[in-house]
Structures are given as structure tokens and as C-alpha cells.
Amino acid sequence: MAKEKKKDKQASKKEETKEKKPSKAKKDKPKQIEEEDSPESTKDLVTTEKAELLEKTPAEEAKETTEEETEKLKEGEKPSEEEAKVSEDEAEAPAEEEEELEIVEEKFYNLNLRKIWSSPREKRTPRAVRFLRDYVGRHMKTDEVAISEEANEMLWQRGISKPPRKIRVRAVKDKDGRVIVFPGEVK
């Protein structure tokens, strides 16, 4: 019987603590509402909102400008001359890089990456990248070999453990002796 009384007392204490906790939370809520309704807190809210509006990140500003441009295009308005020049310059930038290279020598290579597959699974694609650099450097007689983003994506397309078995690349050598590797054209 003594054990039952102890259990009853413990159960009643737990119920009392459960009942007390919600009552405290209910008392806190009206105080918070009263504080928010005070004129000082509304002034603080207004000033913080203004500060947030004034402090925009460059990414947010760029989004706003692009949204404005799309609205103009939807309405049928032409973008201003400055906006048109900026967008044309951005579109021509990748094409100019290839044209600005004074090509001294250009070669196409078909590489069989069969040897790469004998290496451990998690080292295959990095090894394929090193193999490509060494091979092109050896055949173009230079140490400065850069792999373009497109060629790199071609190697990494299926992940670290499954590089392609064969690839075709275009190696371009400029007047300074630097070589850039691009993906080759498919026949």
C-alpha cells in the first residue's frame, strides 16, 4: 500500500507541474502583445524595416534589374541602349576568348583512357585529368596546359568513378606557348 501511495503522490505532482506550465505561458502572451502595441516598439519596427530596405545585397539588386527588363520586354518596350550593350558584351565574351587567342598550332587527339580504369574507383577521373594534361603537354611540347570548363565537364560527366573510355579533344597552342584543351568535334 505504501508503494501505491508514493505512486499516487508522484502522479499528482506531475499533473500539477503540467498544469502550472501552460498557465505561465498564457500569462506571458498578453505581456508580449502589450509590448508590441506600445508606440516605441512600432517606431522600432518601422526603422528596422526601412534599414532592411536600404541594405540590399548586390544579388537582390541584380534580380530587381532583370525583373524590370523582363517586364519591359513583356510590355513591348525596347531596353535602353546601355542595357542592350551590356547584354551584347556578355554574350560575346566567350566567343572573343577563343578569337583573341592567336592560334599558332591546333591539333585533334583521340585518347583511349583504358589504362585509367585499372586505378581505384575513387581516383579514376582525377587520374584521367592528369593523363590528359601529360599527354597534351608531351605532344604539343609545352608544360603549360589548361583544360577548358567544357572539357573538364566532359571528363567529370559521370562522376569520379566512371570517366569516359575514349575522348576526342582539340588542343590549341597560342603564341606564348600555352595550350588550352577543348572538347573535340564529333564526326
Protein backbone atom coordinates (compact mmCIF):
# COMPACT_ATOMS: atom_id res chain seq x y z
CA MET A 1 0.00 0.00 0.00
CA ALA A 2 2.84 2.37 0.74
CA LYS A 3 4.14 1.93 -2.79
CA GLU A 4 0.74 2.79 -4.23
CA LYS A 5 0.54 5.98 -2.16
CA LYS A 6 4.00 7.04 -3.36
CA LYS A 7 3.00 6.43 -6.97
CA ASP A 8 -0.20 8.43 -6.48
CA LYS A 9 1.77 11.33 -4.95
CA GLN A 10 4.28 11.28 -7.82
CA ALA A 11 1.48 11.19 -10.39
CA SER A 12 -0.30 14.10 -8.70
CA LYS A 13 2.95 16.13 -8.65
CA LYS A 14 3.42 15.52 -12.38
CA GLU A 15 -0.13 16.66 -13.08
CA GLU A 16 0.40 19.80 -11.01
CA THR A 17 3.59 20.68 -12.93
CA LYS A 18 1.82 20.11 -16.23
CA GLU A 19 -0.99 22.40 -15.13
CA LYS A 20 1.41 25.12 -13.97
CA LYS A 21 3.42 25.31 -17.20
CA PRO A 22 0.55 26.25 -19.53
CA SER A 23 -0.68 28.87 -17.10
CA LYS A 24 2.71 30.62 -17.20
CA ALA A 25 2.71 30.61 -21.00
CA LYS A 26 -0.76 32.15 -21.04
CA LYS A 27 0.37 34.95 -18.72
CA ASP A 28 3.42 35.71 -20.91
CA LYS A 29 1.47 36.14 -24.13
CA PRO A 30 -0.61 39.16 -23.07
CA LYS A 31 2.54 40.92 -21.87
CA GLN A 32 4.16 40.44 -25.26
CA ILE A 33 1.10 41.81 -27.01
CA GLU A 34 1.08 44.84 -24.75
CA GLU A 35 4.75 45.49 -25.53
CA GLU A 36 4.18 45.23 -29.27
CA ASP A 37 1.28 47.69 -29.10
CA SER A 38 3.38 50.36 -27.39
CA PRO A 39 4.31 53.32 -29.64
CA GLU A 40 8.04 52.84 -29.02
CA SER A 41 8.06 49.32 -30.40
CA THR A 42 6.17 50.36 -33.55
CA LYS A 43 8.78 53.04 -34.19
CA ASP A 44 11.50 50.43 -33.83
CA LEU A 45 9.73 48.15 -36.28
CA VAL A 46 9.37 50.92 -38.84
CA THR A 47 13.03 51.91 -38.57
CA THR A 48 14.21 48.30 -38.90
CA GLU A 49 12.03 47.80 -41.97
CA LYS A 50 13.49 50.93 -43.55
CA ALA A 51 17.01 49.77 -42.72
CA GLU A 52 16.33 46.39 -44.31
CA LEU A 53 15.06 48.08 -47.47
CA LEU A 54 18.12 50.27 -47.65
CA GLU A 55 20.53 47.38 -47.14
CA LYS A 56 20.05 45.24 -50.25
CA THR A 57 22.64 42.80 -51.43
CA PRO A 58 24.03 43.05 -54.96
CA ALA A 59 22.29 39.79 -55.84
CA GLU A 60 18.91 41.25 -54.84
CA GLU A 61 19.62 44.37 -56.90
CA ALA A 62 20.55 42.25 -59.92
CA LYS A 63 17.31 40.30 -59.57
CA GLU A 64 15.34 43.53 -59.50
CA THR A 65 17.01 44.83 -62.65
CA THR A 66 16.39 41.61 -64.53
CA GLU A 67 12.75 41.62 -63.40
CA GLU A 68 12.41 45.18 -64.70
CA GLU A 69 13.95 44.19 -68.03
CA THR A 70 11.62 41.22 -68.41
CA GLU A 71 8.62 43.44 -67.64
CA LYS A 72 9.76 45.91 -70.30
CA LEU A 73 10.13 43.11 -72.84
CA LYS A 74 6.67 41.77 -71.99
CA GLU A 75 5.17 45.21 -72.44
CA GLY A 76 6.88 45.58 -75.81
CA GLU A 77 9.32 48.27 -74.76
CA LYS A 78 12.87 48.04 -76.03
CA PRO A 79 15.64 48.03 -73.44
CA SER A 80 17.74 51.16 -73.26
CA GLU A 81 20.89 51.35 -75.36
CA GLU A 82 23.15 50.89 -72.34
CA GLU A 83 21.29 47.76 -71.22
CA ALA A 84 21.45 46.35 -74.75
CA LYS A 85 25.20 46.98 -74.98
CA VAL A 86 25.85 45.27 -71.65
CA SER A 87 23.87 42.18 -72.63
CA GLU A 88 25.61 42.01 -76.04
CA ASP A 89 29.04 42.29 -74.41
CA GLU A 90 28.22 39.45 -72.02
CA ALA A 91 27.09 37.23 -74.88
CA GLU A 92 30.21 37.92 -76.96
CA ALA A 93 32.71 37.39 -74.13
CA PRO A 94 33.17 33.59 -74.52
CA ALA A 95 33.46 33.84 -78.30
CA GLU A 96 36.09 36.59 -78.01
CA GLU A 97 38.31 34.47 -75.75
CA GLU A 98 38.77 31.87 -78.45
CA GLU A 99 39.21 34.52 -81.15
CA GLU A 100 41.66 36.57 -79.07
CA LEU A 101 43.93 33.55 -78.80
CA GLU A 102 46.46 33.87 -81.57
CA ILE A 103 46.43 30.27 -82.60
CA VAL A 104 49.86 29.01 -83.60
CA GLU A 105 49.02 25.34 -83.64
CA GLU A 106 45.82 23.31 -83.37
CA LYS A 107 45.56 19.54 -83.17
CA PHE A 108 42.84 16.98 -82.56
CA TYR A 109 43.53 13.92 -80.45
CA ASN A 110 41.54 10.75 -79.83
CA LEU A 111 42.53 9.46 -76.42
CA ASN A 112 41.87 5.95 -75.19
CA LEU A 113 41.51 6.07 -71.42
CA ARG A 114 41.53 2.30 -70.98
CA LYS A 115 44.55 2.41 -68.63
CA ILE A 116 42.70 4.76 -66.28
CA TRP A 117 40.16 2.08 -65.40
CA SER A 118 42.86 -0.05 -63.71
CA SER A 119 43.17 2.53 -60.91
CA PRO A 120 40.98 2.51 -57.76
CA ARG A 121 37.39 3.63 -58.24
CA GLU A 122 37.65 6.92 -56.36
CA LYS A 123 40.80 8.03 -58.23
CA ARG A 124 39.81 7.40 -61.85
CA THR A 125 38.59 10.79 -63.06
CA PRO A 126 41.36 12.79 -61.34
CA ARG A 127 43.83 10.40 -62.95
CA ALA A 128 42.13 10.92 -66.33
CA VAL A 129 42.59 14.69 -65.93
CA ARG A 130 46.30 14.24 -65.14
CA PHE A 131 46.68 11.83 -68.06
CA LEU A 132 45.08 14.37 -70.42
CA ARG A 133 47.41 17.14 -69.21
CA ASP A 134 50.51 14.97 -69.54
CA TYR A 135 49.54 13.62 -72.97
CA VAL A 136 48.75 17.03 -74.47
CA GLY A 137 51.85 18.61 -72.90
CA ARG A 138 54.05 15.86 -74.29
CA HIS A 139 52.62 16.05 -77.81
CA MET A 140 52.36 19.85 -78.03
CA LYS A 141 55.83 20.28 -76.42
CA THR A 142 54.85 22.53 -73.52
CA ASP A 143 54.38 22.42 -69.78
CA GLU A 144 51.57 25.00 -69.61
CA VAL A 145 48.38 23.04 -70.29
CA ALA A 146 44.95 24.35 -69.29
CA ILE A 147 41.77 22.31 -69.58
CA SER A 148 38.65 24.26 -70.54
CA GLU A 149 35.49 24.01 -68.47
CA GLU A 150 33.71 22.12 -71.26
CA ALA A 151 36.46 19.51 -71.49
CA ASN A 152 36.56 19.17 -67.71
CA GLU A 153 32.78 18.67 -67.60
CA MET A 154 33.13 16.05 -70.33
CA LEU A 155 35.54 14.08 -68.12
CA TRP A 156 33.51 14.52 -64.91
CA GLN A 157 30.09 13.98 -66.51
CA ARG A 158 29.52 10.55 -64.92
CA GLY A 159 31.33 11.28 -61.67
CA ILE A 160 34.61 10.36 -60.04
CA SER A 161 34.44 6.63 -60.59
CA LYS A 162 33.33 6.42 -64.25
CA PRO A 163 35.33 8.63 -66.62
CA PRO A 164 34.72 8.08 -70.34
CA ARG A 165 36.55 5.21 -72.06
CA LYS A 166 37.55 7.34 -75.04
CA ILE A 167 37.53 11.08 -75.65
CA ARG A 168 38.23 13.41 -78.55
CA VAL A 169 39.87 16.74 -77.73
CA ARG A 170 41.12 19.81 -79.59
CA ALA A 171 44.39 21.28 -78.33
CA VAL A 172 45.11 24.92 -79.22
CA LYS A 173 48.57 26.45 -78.74
CA ASP A 174 48.95 30.24 -78.63
CA LYS A 175 51.99 32.42 -79.37
CA ASP A 176 53.10 32.35 -75.70
CA GLY A 177 53.35 28.56 -75.71
CA ARG A 178 50.25 27.95 -73.60
CA VAL A 179 47.95 25.13 -74.61
CA ILE A 180 44.21 25.04 -73.95
CA VAL A 181 42.28 21.80 -74.33
CA PHE A 182 38.73 21.97 -75.67
CA PRO A 183 36.28 19.15 -76.42
CA GLY A 184 36.77 17.80 -79.92
CA GLU A 185 34.19 17.92 -82.67
CA VAL A 186 32.13 14.81 -83.16
CA LYS A 187 32.40 13.35 -86.65
